[in-house]
Amino acid sequence: MTTQSIRHLAFFWLANSDSAEDRAKLAAGLETLRAIPEVHDLHIGMPGATAPRPVVDSSWHVSEAMTFDSPAAEAVYQVHPIHKAFIAECGHLWSRVLIYDLADFF
């Protein structure tokens, strides 16, 4: 049996939604997560400028997507000191965060 990779998606709603400075601070904080050895393919984004549709939620402000080789690697990330420091230093910037952890279907 092979271990499936995990795609970790996090969507953040800024506490001060109009603050470009807070958006930049959060993005910079997310960038620090790249130094965690278990993290692959870190992508930091914001809602795309696409046409509004009922099925699209673009209410969030900043997102990150990363890949882990396995659920065990994702578990290491959760308790890694860099991840804990990110939460301690940036947690005040968001009012809500929503996480989706995806495994390959096939």
C-alpha atoms as a PDB file:
ATOM      1  CA  MET A   1       0.000   0.000   0.000  1.00  0.00           C
ATOM      2  CA  THR A   2       1.379   3.415  -0.942  1.00  0.00           C
ATOM      3  CA  THR A   3       1.070   6.514   1.206  1.00  0.00           C
ATOM      4  CA  GLN A   4      -0.978   9.287  -0.334  1.00  0.00           C
ATOM      5  CA  SER A   5       0.256  12.838  -0.486  1.00  0.00           C
ATOM      6  CA  ILE A   6      -1.763  15.548   1.225  1.00  0.00           C
ATOM      7  CA  ARG A   7      -2.640  18.921  -0.314  1.00  0.00           C
ATOM      8  CA  HIS A   8      -3.190  21.376   2.539  1.00  0.00           C
ATOM      9  CA  LEU A   9      -5.307  24.420   1.662  1.00  0.00           C
ATOM     10  CA  ALA A  10      -5.882  27.259   4.132  1.00  0.00           C
ATOM     11  CA  PHE A  11      -8.158  30.242   3.572  1.00  0.00           C
ATOM     12  CA  PHE A  12      -7.795  33.298   5.820  1.00  0.00           C
ATOM     13  CA  TRP A  13     -10.222  36.137   6.462  1.00  0.00           C
ATOM     14  CA  LEU A  14      -8.368  39.194   7.729  1.00  0.00           C
ATOM     15  CA  ALA A  15      -9.583  40.783  10.953  1.00  0.00           C
ATOM     16  CA  ASN A  16      -8.932  44.170   9.325  1.00  0.00           C
ATOM     17  CA  SER A  17     -10.120  43.324   5.822  1.00  0.00           C
ATOM     18  CA  ASP A  18      -9.209  46.711   4.324  1.00  0.00           C
ATOM     19  CA  SER A  19      -5.591  46.646   5.495  1.00  0.00           C
ATOM     20  CA  ALA A  20      -3.062  46.080   2.717  1.00  0.00           C
ATOM     21  CA  GLU A  21      -0.388  46.089   5.432  1.00  0.00           C
ATOM     22  CA  ASP A  22      -2.048  43.197   7.302  1.00  0.00           C
ATOM     23  CA  ARG A  23      -2.465  41.280   4.036  1.00  0.00           C
ATOM     24  CA  ALA A  24       1.255  41.724   3.330  1.00  0.00           C
ATOM     25  CA  LYS A  25       2.209  40.707   6.894  1.00  0.00           C
ATOM     26  CA  LEU A  26       0.130  37.549   6.632  1.00  0.00           C
ATOM     27  CA  ALA A  27       1.642  36.667   3.260  1.00  0.00           C
ATOM     28  CA  ALA A  28       5.140  37.231   4.667  1.00  0.00           C
ATOM     29  CA  GLY A  29       4.307  35.024   7.643  1.00  0.00           C
ATOM     30  CA  LEU A  30       3.030  32.290   5.352  1.00  0.00           C
ATOM     31  CA  GLU A  31       6.254  32.531   3.357  1.00  0.00           C
ATOM     32  CA  THR A  32       8.207  31.493   6.485  1.00  0.00           C
ATOM     33  CA  LEU A  33       6.472  28.091   6.331  1.00  0.00           C
ATOM     34  CA  ARG A  34       8.516  27.293   3.221  1.00  0.00           C
ATOM     35  CA  ALA A  35      11.500  26.594   5.546  1.00  0.00           C
ATOM     36  CA  ILE A  36       9.759  23.559   7.069  1.00  0.00           C
ATOM     37  CA  PRO A  37      11.369  20.533   5.362  1.00  0.00           C
ATOM     38  CA  GLU A  38       8.062  18.642   5.027  1.00  0.00           C
ATOM     39  CA  VAL A  39       6.451  21.485   3.027  1.00  0.00           C
ATOM     40  CA  HIS A  40       6.413  21.194  -0.762  1.00  0.00           C
ATOM     41  CA  ASP A  41       4.899  23.470  -3.399  1.00  0.00           C
ATOM     42  CA  LEU A  42       3.956  26.387  -1.152  1.00  0.00           C
ATOM     43  CA  HIS A  43       1.662  28.794  -3.002  1.00  0.00           C
ATOM     44  CA  ILE A  44       0.297  31.984  -1.422  1.00  0.00           C
ATOM     45  CA  GLY A  45      -2.676  33.586  -3.125  1.00  0.00           C
ATOM     46  CA  MET A  46      -5.695  35.834  -3.006  1.00  0.00           C
ATOM     47  CA  PRO A  47      -9.092  35.591  -4.696  1.00  0.00           C
ATOM     48  CA  GLY A  48      -8.828  35.619  -8.463  1.00  0.00           C
ATOM     49  CA  ALA A  49     -10.454  38.335 -10.539  1.00  0.00           C
ATOM     50  CA  THR A  50     -12.947  35.972 -12.120  1.00  0.00           C
ATOM     51  CA  ALA A  51     -16.599  36.603 -12.892  1.00  0.00           C
ATOM     52  CA  PRO A  52     -18.857  36.136  -9.853  1.00  0.00           C
ATOM     53  CA  ARG A  53     -20.759  32.848  -9.843  1.00  0.00           C
ATOM     54  CA  PRO A  54     -22.977  31.284  -7.160  1.00  0.00           C
ATOM     55  CA  VAL A  55     -20.539  28.393  -6.664  1.00  0.00           C
ATOM     56  CA  VAL A  56     -17.456  30.590  -6.105  1.00  0.00           C
ATOM     57  CA  ASP A  57     -16.573  31.820  -2.612  1.00  0.00           C
ATOM     58  CA  SER A  58     -14.213  34.741  -2.873  1.00  0.00           C
ATOM     59  CA  SER A  59     -14.991  36.176   0.564  1.00  0.00           C
ATOM     60  CA  TRP A  60     -11.568  35.193   1.951  1.00  0.00           C
ATOM     61  CA  HIS A  61      -8.501  37.449   1.697  1.00  0.00           C
ATOM     62  CA  VAL A  62      -5.335  35.301   1.659  1.00  0.00           C
ATOM     63  CA  SER A  63      -4.767  31.603   1.003  1.00  0.00           C
ATOM     64  CA  GLU A  64      -1.979  29.101   1.028  1.00  0.00           C
ATOM     65  CA  ALA A  65      -1.655  25.719  -0.612  1.00  0.00           C
ATOM     66  CA  MET A  66       1.091  23.246   0.148  1.00  0.00           C
ATOM     67  CA  THR A  67       1.777  19.593  -0.436  1.00  0.00           C
ATOM     68  CA  PHE A  68       3.046  16.976   1.996  1.00  0.00           C
ATOM     69  CA  ASP A  69       4.368  13.563   1.016  1.00  0.00           C
ATOM     70  CA  SER A  70       2.113  11.828   3.543  1.00  0.00           C
ATOM     71  CA  PRO A  71      -0.313  12.392   6.412  1.00  0.00           C
ATOM     72  CA  ALA A  72       2.646  11.778   8.748  1.00  0.00           C
ATOM     73  CA  ALA A  73       4.570  14.643   7.141  1.00  0.00           C
ATOM     74  CA  GLU A  74       1.548  16.926   7.582  1.00  0.00           C
ATOM     75  CA  ALA A  75       1.407  15.926  11.263  1.00  0.00           C
ATOM     76  CA  VAL A  76       5.078  16.919  11.685  1.00  0.00           C
ATOM     77  CA  TYR A  77       4.271  20.300  10.101  1.00  0.00           C
ATOM     78  CA  GLN A  78       1.457  20.934  12.580  1.00  0.00           C
ATOM     79  CA  VAL A  79       3.809  20.838  15.577  1.00  0.00           C
ATOM     80  CA  HIS A  80       6.895  22.288  13.875  1.00  0.00           C
ATOM     81  CA  PRO A  81       8.335  25.325  15.719  1.00  0.00           C
ATOM     82  CA  ILE A  82       8.177  27.478  12.555  1.00  0.00           C
ATOM     83  CA  HIS A  83       4.452  26.711  12.162  1.00  0.00           C
ATOM     84  CA  LYS A  84       3.827  27.469  15.841  1.00  0.00           C
ATOM     85  CA  ALA A  85       5.777  30.742  15.520  1.00  0.00           C
ATOM     86  CA  PHE A  86       3.708  31.700  12.463  1.00  0.00           C
ATOM     87  CA  ILE A  87       0.486  31.215  14.437  1.00  0.00           C
ATOM     88  CA  ALA A  88       1.856  33.137  17.440  1.00  0.00           C
ATOM     89  CA  GLU A  89       3.097  36.042  15.301  1.00  0.00           C
ATOM     90  CA  CYS A  90       0.281  36.257  12.754  1.00  0.00           C
ATOM     91  CA  GLY A  91      -2.786  34.808  14.471  1.00  0.00           C
ATOM     92  CA  HIS A  92      -4.034  38.260  15.428  1.00  0.00           C
ATOM     93  CA  LEU A  93      -4.247  39.183  11.724  1.00  0.00           C
ATOM     94  CA  TRP A  94      -7.140  36.857  10.894  1.00  0.00           C
ATOM     95  CA  SER A  95     -10.673  36.562  12.199  1.00  0.00           C
ATOM     96  CA  ARG A  96     -11.276  33.187  10.575  1.00  0.00           C
ATOM     97  CA  VAL A  97      -9.291  30.421   8.939  1.00  0.00           C
ATOM     98  CA  LEU A  98     -10.709  27.439   7.076  1.00  0.00           C
ATOM     99  CA  ILE A  99      -8.576  24.410   6.216  1.00  0.00           C
ATOM    100  CA  TYR A 100      -9.124  21.734   3.588  1.00  0.00           C
ATOM    101  CA  ASP A 101      -6.778  18.725   3.600  1.00  0.00           C
ATOM    102  CA  LEU A 102      -7.072  16.762   0.362  1.00  0.00           C
ATOM    103  CA  ALA A 103      -5.832  13.290  -0.551  1.00  0.00           C
ATOM    104  CA  ASP A 104      -5.669  11.990  -4.102  1.00  0.00           C
ATOM    105  CA  PHE A 105      -8.802  10.133  -5.144  1.00  0.00           C
ATOM    106  CA  PHE A 106      -6.901   7.771  -7.440  1.00  0.00           C
END
